Amino acid sequence: QVQLVESGGGWVQPGGSLTLSCAASENIFNFNAMGWYRQAPGKEREMVATIDQGVITDYADFAKSRFTIFRADAANTLDLQMGSVKPADMAFYYCTARLDSSSYWGQGTPVTVSS
């Protein structure tokens, strides 16, 4: 069973930066795709950014030019670098990974944005 554990969430001021990390129990090179999603209170879960085959990235419009998704191969993690954070970015952030026909999710890490 693949396990994904997110970390790095916490409090950040508007305009600040935060990096989320997703540690996998399996070598991340084995995954077909990985990604970050988020869910704010009362809202549906939405895609933030994905990375396919380790190189092809896709971002939600709100994440473009502010967030960067990348694999930290030495640490075997999937990271999300968040910049110019806005109050609208406050949510639970979830890591996901696809291995063949199965998808896996982490438990999420909260991001709180306030001054």
PDB file of N, CA and C in Angstrom:
ATOM      1  N   GLN A   1       0.841  -1.184   0.000  1.00  0.00           N
ATOM      2  CA  GLN A   1       0.000   0.000   0.000  1.00  0.00           C
ATOM      3  C   GLN A   1       0.882   1.242   0.000  1.00  0.00           C
ATOM      4  N   VAL A   2       0.661   2.099  -0.973  1.00  0.00           N
ATOM      5  CA  VAL A   2       1.440   3.327  -1.065  1.00  0.00           C
ATOM      6  C   VAL A   2       0.974   4.321  -0.011  1.00  0.00           C
ATOM      7  N   GLN A   3       1.907   4.936   0.657  1.00  0.00           N
ATOM      8  CA  GLN A   3       1.575   5.968   1.644  1.00  0.00           C
ATOM      9  C   GLN A   3       2.201   7.288   1.228  1.00  0.00           C
ATOM     10  N   LEU A   4       1.413   8.330   1.370  1.00  0.00           N
ATOM     11  CA  LEU A   4       1.873   9.684   1.079  1.00  0.00           C
ATOM     12  C   LEU A   4       1.671  10.523   2.336  1.00  0.00           C
ATOM     13  N   VAL A   5       2.692  11.238   2.733  1.00  0.00           N
ATOM     14  CA  VAL A   5       2.615  12.052   3.944  1.00  0.00           C
ATOM     15  C   VAL A   5       3.040  13.473   3.610  1.00  0.00           C
ATOM     16  N   GLU A   6       2.106  14.401   3.780  1.00  0.00           N
ATOM     17  CA  GLU A   6       2.399  15.799   3.505  1.00  0.00           C
ATOM     18  C   GLU A   6       2.969  16.490   4.747  1.00  0.00           C
ATOM     19  N   SER A   7       3.776  17.495   4.509  1.00  0.00           N
ATOM     20  CA  SER A   7       4.314  18.313   5.592  1.00  0.00           C
ATOM     21  C   SER A   7       4.604  19.707   5.046  1.00  0.00           C
ATOM     22  N   GLY A   8       4.897  20.602   5.955  1.00  0.00           N
ATOM     23  CA  GLY A   8       5.264  21.951   5.544  1.00  0.00           C
ATOM     24  C   GLY A   8       4.156  22.972   5.644  1.00  0.00           C
ATOM     25  N   GLY A   9       2.949  22.512   5.920  1.00  0.00           N
ATOM     26  CA  GLY A   9       1.852  23.457   6.052  1.00  0.00           C
ATOM     27  C   GLY A   9       1.990  24.266   7.328  1.00  0.00           C
ATOM     28  N   GLY A  10       1.210  25.314   7.408  1.00  0.00           N
ATOM     29  CA  GLY A  10       1.261  26.160   8.585  1.00  0.00           C
ATOM     30  C   GLY A  10       0.733  27.542   8.275  1.00  0.00           C
ATOM     31  N   TRP A  11       1.170  28.485   9.077  1.00  0.00           N
ATOM     32  CA  TRP A  11       0.698  29.861   8.936  1.00  0.00           C
ATOM     33  C   TRP A  11       1.672  30.658   8.072  1.00  0.00           C
ATOM     34  N   VAL A  12       1.097  31.484   7.192  1.00  0.00           N
ATOM     35  CA  VAL A  12       1.905  32.346   6.349  1.00  0.00           C
ATOM     36  C   VAL A  12       1.175  33.668   6.159  1.00  0.00           C
ATOM     37  N   GLN A  13       1.911  34.730   6.100  1.00  0.00           N
ATOM     38  CA  GLN A  13       1.305  36.040   5.872  1.00  0.00           C
ATOM     39  C   GLN A  13       1.003  36.239   4.390  1.00  0.00           C
ATOM     40  N   PRO A  14       0.005  37.043   4.076  1.00  0.00           N
ATOM     41  CA  PRO A  14      -0.241  37.361   2.662  1.00  0.00           C
ATOM     42  C   PRO A  14       1.019  37.923   2.010  1.00  0.00           C
ATOM     43  N   GLY A  15       1.308  37.423   0.834  1.00  0.00           N
ATOM     44  CA  GLY A  15       2.517  37.839   0.142  1.00  0.00           C
ATOM     45  C   GLY A  15       3.729  36.997   0.463  1.00  0.00           C
ATOM     46  N   GLY A  16       3.593  36.135   1.448  1.00  0.00           N
ATOM     47  CA  GLY A  16       4.705  35.301   1.876  1.00  0.00           C
ATOM     48  C   GLY A  16       4.867  34.048   1.037  1.00  0.00           C
ATOM     49  N   SER A  17       5.803  33.200   1.476  1.00  0.00           N
ATOM     50  CA  SER A  17       6.116  31.963   0.763  1.00  0.00           C
ATOM     51  C   SER A  17       6.054  30.777   1.705  1.00  0.00           C
ATOM     52  N   LEU A  18       5.781  29.627   1.107  1.00  0.00           N
ATOM     53  CA  LEU A  18       5.698  28.390   1.887  1.00  0.00           C
ATOM     54  C   LEU A  18       5.999  27.244   0.941  1.00  0.00           C
ATOM     55  N   THR A  19       6.693  26.234   1.430  1.00  0.00           N
ATOM     56  CA  THR A  19       6.961  25.051   0.613  1.00  0.00           C
ATOM     57  C   THR A  19       6.363  23.826   1.274  1.00  0.00           C
ATOM     58  N   LEU A  20       5.502  23.142   0.555  1.00  0.00           N
ATOM     59  CA  LEU A  20       4.899  21.899   1.014  1.00  0.00           C
ATOM     60  C   LEU A  20       5.693  20.732   0.456  1.00  0.00           C
ATOM     61  N   SER A  21       5.728  19.657   1.226  1.00  0.00           N
ATOM     62  CA  SER A  21       6.473  18.483   0.815  1.00  0.00           C
ATOM     63  C   SER A  21       5.618  17.234   0.991  1.00  0.00           C
ATOM     64  N   CYS A  22       5.743  16.311   0.081  1.00  0.00           N
ATOM     65  CA  CYS A  22       5.002  15.058   0.133  1.00  0.00           C
ATOM     66  C   CYS A  22       5.997  13.909   0.070  1.00  0.00           C
ATOM     67  N   ALA A  23       6.088  13.177   1.156  1.00  0.00           N
ATOM     68  CA  ALA A  23       6.993  12.036   1.213  1.00  0.00           C
ATOM     69  C   ALA A  23       6.235  10.777   0.830  1.00  0.00           C
ATOM     70  N   ALA A  24       6.840   9.984  -0.036  1.00  0.00           N
ATOM     71  CA  ALA A  24       6.193   8.766  -0.520  1.00  0.00           C
ATOM     72  C   ALA A  24       6.890   7.529   0.041  1.00  0.00           C
ATOM     73  N   SER A  25       6.093   6.482   0.239  1.00  0.00           N
ATOM     74  CA  SER A  25       6.660   5.234   0.761  1.00  0.00           C
ATOM     75  C   SER A  25       7.305   4.414  -0.349  1.00  0.00           C
ATOM     76  N   GLU A  26       7.092   4.875  -1.576  1.00  0.00           N
ATOM     77  CA  GLU A  26       7.659   4.189  -2.721  1.00  0.00           C
ATOM     78  C   GLU A  26       8.483   5.177  -3.533  1.00  0.00           C
ATOM     79  N   ASN A  27       9.411   4.660  -4.273  1.00  0.00           N
ATOM     80  CA  ASN A  27      10.252   5.515  -5.110  1.00  0.00           C
ATOM     81  C   ASN A  27       9.371   6.326  -6.054  1.00  0.00           C
ATOM     82  N   ILE A  28       9.486   7.642  -5.979  1.00  0.00           N
ATOM     83  CA  ILE A  28       8.595   8.498  -6.761  1.00  0.00           C
ATOM     84  C   ILE A  28       8.809   8.328  -8.264  1.00  0.00           C
ATOM     85  N   PHE A  29       9.919   7.756  -8.648  1.00  0.00           N
ATOM     86  CA  PHE A  29      10.146   7.510 -10.071  1.00  0.00           C
ATOM     87  C   PHE A  29       9.152   6.477 -10.609  1.00  0.00           C
ATOM     88  N   ASN A  30       8.577   5.673  -9.719  1.00  0.00           N
ATOM     89  CA  ASN A  30       7.649   4.629 -10.143  1.00  0.00           C
ATOM     90  C   ASN A  30       6.259   5.165 -10.483  1.00  0.00           C
ATOM     91  N   PHE A  31       5.950   6.362  -9.985  1.00  0.00           N
ATOM     92  CA  PHE A  31       4.612   6.888 -10.195  1.00  0.00           C
ATOM     93  C   PHE A  31       4.448   7.439 -11.611  1.00  0.00           C
ATOM     94  N   ASN A  32       3.279   7.194 -12.199  1.00  0.00           N
ATOM     95  CA  ASN A  32       2.985   7.744 -13.512  1.00  0.00           C
ATOM     96  C   ASN A  32       2.786   9.251 -13.439  1.00  0.00           C
ATOM     97  N   ALA A  33       2.155   9.679 -12.359  1.00  0.00           N
ATOM     98  CA  ALA A  33       1.884  11.099 -12.180  1.00  0.00           C
ATOM     99  C   ALA A  33       1.714  11.392 -10.694  1.00  0.00           C
ATOM    100  N   MET A  34       1.968  12.614 -10.339  1.00  0.00           N
ATOM    101  CA  MET A  34       1.764  13.081  -8.964  1.00  0.00           C
ATOM    102  C   MET A  34       1.192  14.488  -9.026  1.00  0.00           C
ATOM    103  N   GLY A  35       0.620  14.896  -7.915  1.00  0.00           N
ATOM    104  CA  GLY A  35       0.044  16.227  -7.939  1.00  0.00           C
ATOM    105  C   GLY A  35      -0.329  16.742  -6.569  1.00  0.00           C
ATOM    106  N   TRP A  36      -0.676  18.017  -6.548  1.00  0.00           N
ATOM    107  CA  TRP A  36      -1.185  18.676  -5.349  1.00  0.00           C
ATOM    108  C   TRP A  36      -2.590  19.186  -5.637  1.00  0.00           C
ATOM    109  N   TYR A  37      -3.475  18.923  -4.690  1.00  0.00           N
ATOM    110  CA  TYR A  37      -4.840  19.431  -4.740  1.00  0.00           C
ATOM    111  C   TYR A  37      -5.083  20.195  -3.446  1.00  0.00           C
ATOM    112  N   ARG A  38      -6.138  20.979  -3.428  1.00  0.00           N
ATOM    113  CA  ARG A  38      -6.481  21.677  -2.193  1.00  0.00           C
ATOM    114  C   ARG A  38      -7.986  21.722  -2.022  1.00  0.00           C
ATOM    115  N   GLN A  39      -8.393  21.884  -0.775  1.00  0.00           N
ATOM    116  CA  GLN A  39      -9.817  21.994  -0.471  1.00  0.00           C
ATOM    117  C   GLN A  39      -9.997  23.004   0.645  1.00  0.00           C
ATOM    118  N   ALA A  40     -10.724  24.042   0.340  1.00  0.00           N
ATOM    119  CA  ALA A  40     -11.053  25.054   1.331  1.00  0.00           C
ATOM    120  C   ALA A  40     -12.385  24.701   1.981  1.00  0.00           C
ATOM    121  N   PRO A  41     -12.647  25.201   3.181  1.00  0.00           N
ATOM    122  CA  PRO A  41     -13.920  24.902   3.857  1.00  0.00           C
ATOM    123  C   PRO A  41     -15.116  25.271   2.989  1.00  0.00           C
ATOM    124  N   GLY A  42     -16.031  24.327   2.834  1.00  0.00           N
ATOM    125  CA  GLY A  42     -17.237  24.578   2.068  1.00  0.00           C
ATOM    126  C   GLY A  42     -17.064  24.531   0.568  1.00  0.00           C
ATOM    127  N   LYS A  43     -15.879  24.194   0.114  1.00  0.00           N
ATOM    128  CA  LYS A  43     -15.625  24.151  -1.318  1.00  0.00           C
ATOM    129  C   LYS A  43     -15.179  22.756  -1.741  1.00  0.00           C
ATOM    130  N   GLU A  44     -15.258  22.497  -3.033  1.00  0.00           N
ATOM    131  CA  GLU A  44     -14.813  21.216  -3.553  1.00  0.00           C
ATOM    132  C   GLU A  44     -13.289  21.179  -3.673  1.00  0.00           C
ATOM    133  N   ARG A  45     -12.779  19.971  -3.660  1.00  0.00           N
ATOM    134  CA  ARG A  45     -11.349  19.814  -3.857  1.00  0.00           C
ATOM    135  C   ARG A  45     -10.990  20.211  -5.287  1.00  0.00           C
ATOM    136  N   GLU A  46      -9.890  20.936  -5.450  1.00  0.00           N
ATOM    137  CA  GLU A  46      -9.495  21.388  -6.772  1.00  0.00           C
ATOM    138  C   GLU A  46      -8.018  21.136  -7.009  1.00  0.00           C
ATOM    139  N   MET A  47      -7.689  20.970  -8.271  1.00  0.00           N
ATOM    140  CA  MET A  47      -6.313  20.732  -8.656  1.00  0.00           C
ATOM    141  C   MET A  47      -5.503  22.007  -8.488  1.00  0.00           C
ATOM    142  N   VAL A  48      -4.299  21.862  -7.969  1.00  0.00           N
ATOM    143  CA  VAL A  48      -3.376  22.980  -7.861  1.00  0.00           C
ATOM    144  C   VAL A  48      -2.305  22.855  -8.935  1.00  0.00           C
ATOM    145  N   ALA A  49      -1.651  21.694  -8.947  1.00  0.00           N
ATOM    146  CA  ALA A  49      -0.587  21.453  -9.917  1.00  0.00           C
ATOM    147  C   ALA A  49      -0.330  19.963 -10.016  1.00  0.00           C
ATOM    148  N   THR A  50       0.041  19.520 -11.184  1.00  0.00           N
ATOM    149  CA  THR A  50       0.366  18.118 -11.389  1.00  0.00           C
ATOM    150  C   THR A  50       1.663  17.997 -12.166  1.00  0.00           C
ATOM    151  N   ILE A  51       2.290  16.848 -12.040  1.00  0.00           N
ATOM    152  CA  ILE A  51       3.493  16.557 -12.804  1.00  0.00           C
ATOM    153  C   ILE A  51       3.380  15.142 -13.334  1.00  0.00           C
ATOM    154  N   ASP A  52       3.517  15.012 -14.642  1.00  0.00           N
ATOM    155  CA  ASP A  52       3.292  13.747 -15.322  1.00  0.00           C
ATOM    156  C   ASP A  52       4.629  13.208 -15.832  1.00  0.00           C
ATOM    157  N   GLN A  53       4.881  11.952 -15.566  1.00  0.00           N
ATOM    158  CA  GLN A  53       6.121  11.312 -15.983  1.00  0.00           C
ATOM    159  C   GLN A  53       7.352  12.088 -15.503  1.00  0.00           C
ATOM    160  N   GLY A  54       7.162  12.820 -14.462  1.00  0.00           N
ATOM    161  CA  GLY A  54       8.278  13.522 -13.843  1.00  0.00           C
ATOM    162  C   GLY A  54       8.693  14.815 -14.490  1.00  0.00           C
ATOM    163  N   VAL A  55       8.100  15.150 -15.643  1.00  0.00           N
ATOM    164  CA  VAL A  55       8.562  16.343 -16.355  1.00  0.00           C
ATOM    165  C   VAL A  55       7.431  17.244 -16.859  1.00  0.00           C
ATOM    166  N   ILE A  56       6.290  16.691 -17.172  1.00  0.00           N
ATOM    167  CA  ILE A  56       5.210  17.494 -17.761  1.00  0.00           C
ATOM    168  C   ILE A  56       4.361  18.065 -16.635  1.00  0.00           C
ATOM    169  N   THR A  57       4.376  19.368 -16.511  1.00  0.00           N
ATOM    170  CA  THR A  57       3.654  20.013 -15.423  1.00  0.00           C
ATOM    171  C   THR A  57       2.408  20.731 -15.934  1.00  0.00           C
ATOM    172  N   ASP A  58       1.439  20.827 -15.060  1.00  0.00           N
ATOM    173  CA  ASP A  58       0.206  21.538 -15.356  1.00  0.00           C
ATOM    174  C   ASP A  58      -0.213  22.282 -14.101  1.00  0.00           C
ATOM    175  N   TYR A  59      -0.684  23.488 -14.270  1.00  0.00           N
ATOM    176  CA  TYR A  59      -1.060  24.315 -13.134  1.00  0.00           C
ATOM    177  C   TYR A  59      -2.468  24.871 -13.307  1.00  0.00           C
ATOM    178  N   ALA A  60      -3.171  24.989 -12.201  1.00  0.00           N
ATOM    179  CA  ALA A  60      -4.433  25.725 -12.220  1.00  0.00           C
ATOM    180  C   ALA A  60      -4.104  27.192 -12.497  1.00  0.00           C
ATOM    181  N   ASP A  61      -5.057  27.903 -13.059  1.00  0.00           N
ATOM    182  CA  ASP A  61      -4.807  29.304 -13.409  1.00  0.00           C
ATOM    183  C   ASP A  61      -4.342  30.119 -12.201  1.00  0.00           C
ATOM    184  N   PHE A  62      -4.919  29.849 -11.041  1.00  0.00           N
ATOM    185  CA  PHE A  62      -4.572  30.633  -9.852  1.00  0.00           C
ATOM    186  C   PHE A  62      -3.148  30.347  -9.368  1.00  0.00           C
ATOM    187  N   ALA A  63      -2.591  29.206  -9.824  1.00  0.00           N
ATOM    188  CA  ALA A  63      -1.254  28.816  -9.369  1.00  0.00           C
ATOM    189  C   ALA A  63      -0.147  29.248 -10.331  1.00  0.00           C
ATOM    190  N   LYS A  64      -0.523  29.515 -11.548  1.00  0.00           N
ATOM    191  CA  LYS A  64       0.481  29.875 -12.541  1.00  0.00           C
ATOM    192  C   LYS A  64       1.227  31.137 -12.121  1.00  0.00           C
ATOM    193  N   SER A  65       2.509  31.127 -12.268  1.00  0.00           N
ATOM    194  CA  SER A  65       3.444  32.212 -11.958  1.00  0.00           C
ATOM    195  C   SER A  65       3.655  32.412 -10.453  1.00  0.00           C
ATOM    196  N   ARG A  66       2.895  31.703  -9.622  1.00  0.00           N
ATOM    197  CA  ARG A  66       3.091  31.839  -8.169  1.00  0.00           C
ATOM    198  C   ARG A  66       3.578  30.551  -7.516  1.00  0.00           C
ATOM    199  N   PHE A  67       3.134  29.407  -8.041  1.00  0.00           N
ATOM    200  CA  PHE A  67       3.491  28.126  -7.441  1.00  0.00           C
ATOM    201  C   PHE A  67       4.376  27.333  -8.396  1.00  0.00           C
ATOM    202  N   THR A  68       5.210  26.487  -7.819  1.00  0.00           N
ATOM    203  CA  THR A  68       6.048  25.601  -8.619  1.00  0.00           C
ATOM    204  C   THR A  68       6.000  24.200  -8.026  1.00  0.00           C
ATOM    205  N   ILE A  69       5.700  23.235  -8.862  1.00  0.00           N
ATOM    206  CA  ILE A  69       5.691  21.841  -8.437  1.00  0.00           C
ATOM    207  C   ILE A  69       6.962  21.192  -8.957  1.00  0.00           C
ATOM    208  N   PHE A  70       7.594  20.416  -8.101  1.00  0.00           N
ATOM    209  CA  PHE A  70       8.799  19.746  -8.565  1.00  0.00           C
ATOM    210  C   PHE A  70       9.076  18.529  -7.697  1.00  0.00           C
ATOM    211  N   ARG A  71       9.795  17.606  -8.273  1.00  0.00           N
ATOM    212  CA  ARG A  71      10.223  16.409  -7.549  1.00  0.00           C
ATOM    213  C   ARG A  71      11.599  16.661  -6.965  1.00  0.00           C
ATOM    214  N   ALA A  72      11.711  16.405  -5.676  1.00  0.00           N
ATOM    215  CA  ALA A  72      13.022  16.468  -5.028  1.00  0.00           C
ATOM    216  C   ALA A  72      13.532  15.038  -4.987  1.00  0.00           C
ATOM    217  N   ASP A  73      14.222  14.658  -6.029  1.00  0.00           N
ATOM    218  CA  ASP A  73      14.554  13.243  -6.215  1.00  0.00           C
ATOM    219  C   ASP A  73      15.413  12.682  -5.082  1.00  0.00           C
ATOM    220  N   ALA A  74      16.369  13.436  -4.616  1.00  0.00           N
ATOM    221  CA  ALA A  74      17.245  12.929  -3.558  1.00  0.00           C
ATOM    222  C   ALA A  74      16.467  12.634  -2.281  1.00  0.00           C
ATOM    223  N   ALA A  75      15.454  13.442  -2.015  1.00  0.00           N
ATOM    224  CA  ALA A  75      14.651  13.258  -0.803  1.00  0.00           C
ATOM    225  C   ALA A  75      13.455  12.354  -1.051  1.00  0.00           C
ATOM    226  N   ASN A  76      13.225  12.007  -2.313  1.00  0.00           N
ATOM    227  CA  ASN A  76      12.066  11.189  -2.686  1.00  0.00           C
ATOM    228  C   ASN A  76      10.764  11.872  -2.271  1.00  0.00           C
ATOM    229  N   THR A  77      10.671  13.156  -2.559  1.00  0.00           N
ATOM    230  CA  THR A  77       9.462  13.903  -2.229  1.00  0.00           C
ATOM    231  C   THR A  77       8.964  14.678  -3.433  1.00  0.00           C
ATOM    232  N   LEU A  78       7.690  15.004  -3.370  1.00  0.00           N
ATOM    233  CA  LEU A  78       7.075  15.921  -4.322  1.00  0.00           C
ATOM    234  C   LEU A  78       6.823  17.212  -3.573  1.00  0.00           C
ATOM    235  N   ASP A  79       7.368  18.299  -4.059  1.00  0.00           N
ATOM    236  CA  ASP A  79       7.254  19.563  -3.344  1.00  0.00           C
ATOM    237  C   ASP A  79       6.411  20.565  -4.108  1.00  0.00           C
ATOM    238  N   LEU A  80       5.816  21.470  -3.360  1.00  0.00           N
ATOM    239  CA  LEU A  80       5.059  22.563  -3.955  1.00  0.00           C
ATOM    240  C   LEU A  80       5.564  23.846  -3.328  1.00  0.00           C
ATOM    241  N   GLN A  81       6.220  24.646  -4.115  1.00  0.00           N
ATOM    242  CA  GLN A  81       6.724  25.928  -3.656  1.00  0.00           C
ATOM    243  C   GLN A  81       5.662  26.979  -3.935  1.00  0.00           C
ATOM    244  N   MET A  82       5.188  27.608  -2.880  1.00  0.00           N
ATOM    245  CA  MET A  82       4.119  28.590  -2.980  1.00  0.00           C
ATOM    246  C   MET A  82       4.684  29.978  -2.722  1.00  0.00           C
ATOM    247  N   GLY A  83       4.419  30.900  -3.624  1.00  0.00           N
ATOM    248  CA  GLY A  83       4.890  32.265  -3.466  1.00  0.00           C
ATOM    249  C   GLY A  83       3.745  33.248  -3.634  1.00  0.00           C
ATOM    250  N   SER A  84       3.968  34.472  -3.157  1.00  0.00           N
ATOM    251  CA  SER A  84       2.939  35.517  -3.246  1.00  0.00           C
ATOM    252  C   SER A  84       1.589  34.983  -2.772  1.00  0.00           C
ATOM    253  N   VAL A  85       1.626  34.356  -1.631  1.00  0.00           N
ATOM    254  CA  VAL A  85       0.433  33.679  -1.110  1.00  0.00           C
ATOM    255  C   VAL A  85      -0.682  34.687  -0.822  1.00  0.00           C
ATOM    256  N   LYS A  86      -1.899  34.277  -1.141  1.00  0.00           N
ATOM    257  CA  LYS A  86      -3.078  35.126  -0.944  1.00  0.00           C
ATOM    258  C   LYS A  86      -4.011  34.490   0.070  1.00  0.00           C
ATOM    259  N   PRO A  87      -4.885  35.270   0.690  1.00  0.00           N
ATOM    260  CA  PRO A  87      -5.866  34.685   1.609  1.00  0.00           C
ATOM    261  C   PRO A  87      -6.696  33.586   0.945  1.00  0.00           C
ATOM    262  N   ALA A  88      -6.939  33.706  -0.358  1.00  0.00           N
ATOM    263  CA  ALA A  88      -7.721  32.686  -1.069  1.00  0.00           C
ATOM    264  C   ALA A  88      -6.987  31.356  -1.173  1.00  0.00           C
ATOM    265  N   ASP A  89      -5.702  31.349  -0.867  1.00  0.00           N
ATOM    266  CA  ASP A  89      -4.934  30.100  -0.910  1.00  0.00           C
ATOM    267  C   ASP A  89      -5.096  29.282   0.358  1.00  0.00           C
ATOM    268  N   MET A  90      -5.774  29.811   1.345  1.00  0.00           N
ATOM    269  CA  MET A  90      -5.958  29.094   2.600  1.00  0.00           C
ATOM    270  C   MET A  90      -6.837  27.876   2.363  1.00  0.00           C
ATOM    271  N   ALA A  91      -6.313  26.693   2.700  1.00  0.00           N
ATOM    272  CA  ALA A  91      -7.005  25.430   2.448  1.00  0.00           C
ATOM    273  C   ALA A  91      -6.185  24.280   3.010  1.00  0.00           C
ATOM    274  N   PHE A  92      -6.775  23.106   2.944  1.00  0.00           N
ATOM    275  CA  PHE A  92      -6.020  21.887   3.188  1.00  0.00           C
ATOM    276  C   PHE A  92      -5.412  21.470   1.856  1.00  0.00           C
ATOM    277  N   TYR A  93      -4.124  21.152   1.856  1.00  0.00           N
ATOM    278  CA  TYR A  93      -3.434  20.753   0.638  1.00  0.00           C
ATOM    279  C   TYR A  93      -3.122  19.264   0.699  1.00  0.00           C
ATOM    280  N   TYR A  94      -3.478  18.583  -0.386  1.00  0.00           N
ATOM    281  CA  TYR A  94      -3.337  17.134  -0.453  1.00  0.00           C
ATOM    282  C   TYR A  94      -2.395  16.739  -1.583  1.00  0.00           C
ATOM    283  N   CYS A  95      -1.611  15.739  -1.299  1.00  0.00           N
ATOM    284  CA  CYS A  95      -0.732  15.144  -2.297  1.00  0.00           C
ATOM    285  C   CYS A  95      -1.419  13.905  -2.863  1.00  0.00           C
ATOM    286  N   THR A  96      -1.250  13.684  -4.149  1.00  0.00           N
ATOM    287  CA  THR A  96      -1.809  12.497  -4.769  1.00  0.00           C
ATOM    288  C   THR A  96      -0.792  11.900  -5.715  1.00  0.00           C
ATOM    289  N   ALA A  97      -0.899  10.589  -5.912  1.00  0.00           N
ATOM    290  CA  ALA A  97       0.006   9.896  -6.815  1.00  0.00           C
ATOM    291  C   ALA A  97      -0.762   8.797  -7.531  1.00  0.00           C
ATOM    292  N   ARG A  98      -0.404   8.612  -8.788  1.00  0.00           N
ATOM    293  CA  ARG A  98      -1.035   7.551  -9.574  1.00  0.00           C
ATOM    294  C   ARG A  98       0.016   6.526  -9.963  1.00  0.00           C
ATOM    295  N   LEU A  99      -0.314   5.291  -9.668  1.00  0.00           N
ATOM    296  CA  LEU A  99       0.564   4.180 -10.016  1.00  0.00           C
ATOM    297  C   LEU A  99      -0.258   3.184 -10.803  1.00  0.00           C
ATOM    298  N   ASP A 100       0.006   3.093 -12.088  1.00  0.00           N
ATOM    299  CA  ASP A 100      -0.796   2.286 -13.008  1.00  0.00           C
ATOM    300  C   ASP A 100      -2.254   2.738 -12.911  1.00  0.00           C
ATOM    301  N   SER A 101      -3.161   1.892 -12.474  1.00  0.00           N
ATOM    302  CA  SER A 101      -4.572   2.260 -12.431  1.00  0.00           C
ATOM    303  C   SER A 101      -5.040   2.685 -11.041  1.00  0.00           C
ATOM    304  N   SER A 102      -4.143   2.774 -10.105  1.00  0.00           N
ATOM    305  CA  SER A 102      -4.521   3.119  -8.733  1.00  0.00           C
ATOM    306  C   SER A 102      -4.049   4.528  -8.380  1.00  0.00           C
ATOM    307  N   SER A 103      -4.906   5.214  -7.634  1.00  0.00           N
ATOM    308  CA  SER A 103      -4.562   6.555  -7.153  1.00  0.00           C
ATOM    309  C   SER A 103      -4.513   6.551  -5.631  1.00  0.00           C
ATOM    310  N   TYR A 104      -3.598   7.330  -5.103  1.00  0.00           N
ATOM    311  CA  TYR A 104      -3.392   7.383  -3.661  1.00  0.00           C
ATOM    312  C   TYR A 104      -3.386   8.838  -3.215  1.00  0.00           C
ATOM    313  N   TRP A 105      -3.855   9.035  -1.977  1.00  0.00           N
ATOM    314  CA  TRP A 105      -3.934  10.377  -1.417  1.00  0.00           C
ATOM    315  C   TRP A 105      -3.310  10.414  -0.033  1.00  0.00           C
ATOM    316  N   GLY A 106      -2.722  11.532   0.290  1.00  0.00           N
ATOM    317  CA  GLY A 106      -2.247  11.752   1.632  1.00  0.00           C
ATOM    318  C   GLY A 106      -3.352  12.308   2.509  1.00  0.00           C
ATOM    319  N   GLN A 107      -3.024  12.557   3.775  1.00  0.00           N
ATOM    320  CA  GLN A 107      -4.007  13.050   4.732  1.00  0.00           C
ATOM    321  C   GLN A 107      -4.169  14.567   4.675  1.00  0.00           C
ATOM    322  N   GLY A 108      -3.264  15.226   4.010  1.00  0.00           N
ATOM    323  CA  GLY A 108      -3.374  16.672   3.849  1.00  0.00           C
ATOM    324  C   GLY A 108      -2.591  17.448   4.892  1.00  0.00           C
ATOM    325  N   THR A 109      -2.273  18.664   4.525  1.00  0.00           N
ATOM    326  CA  THR A 109      -1.605  19.579   5.443  1.00  0.00           C
ATOM    327  C   THR A 109      -2.267  20.948   5.305  1.00  0.00           C
ATOM    328  N   PRO A 110      -2.555  21.622   6.414  1.00  0.00           N
ATOM    329  CA  PRO A 110      -3.293  22.881   6.336  1.00  0.00           C
ATOM    330  C   PRO A 110      -2.383  24.072   6.055  1.00  0.00           C
ATOM    331  N   VAL A 111      -2.894  24.978   5.279  1.00  0.00           N
ATOM    332  CA  VAL A 111      -2.205  26.247   5.034  1.00  0.00           C
ATOM    333  C   VAL A 111      -3.145  27.367   5.484  1.00  0.00           C
ATOM    334  N   THR A 112      -2.671  28.156   6.418  1.00  0.00           N
ATOM    335  CA  THR A 112      -3.447  29.281   6.942  1.00  0.00           C
ATOM    336  C   THR A 112      -2.785  30.575   6.508  1.00  0.00           C
ATOM    337  N   VAL A 113      -3.563  31.452   5.917  1.00  0.00           N
ATOM    338  CA  VAL A 113      -3.034  32.720   5.423  1.00  0.00           C
ATOM    339  C   VAL A 113      -3.722  33.859   6.163  1.00  0.00           C
ATOM    340  N   SER A 114      -2.944  34.583   6.915  1.00  0.00           N
ATOM    341  CA  SER A 114      -3.505  35.732   7.636  1.00  0.00           C
ATOM    342  C   SER A 114      -2.375  36.657   8.047  1.00  0.00           C
ATOM    343  N   SER A 115      -2.747  37.883   8.310  1.00  0.00           N
ATOM    344  CA  SER A 115      -1.761  38.846   8.765  1.00  0.00           C
ATOM    345  C   SER A 115      -1.860  39.029  10.269  1.00  0.00           C
TER     346      SER A 115
END
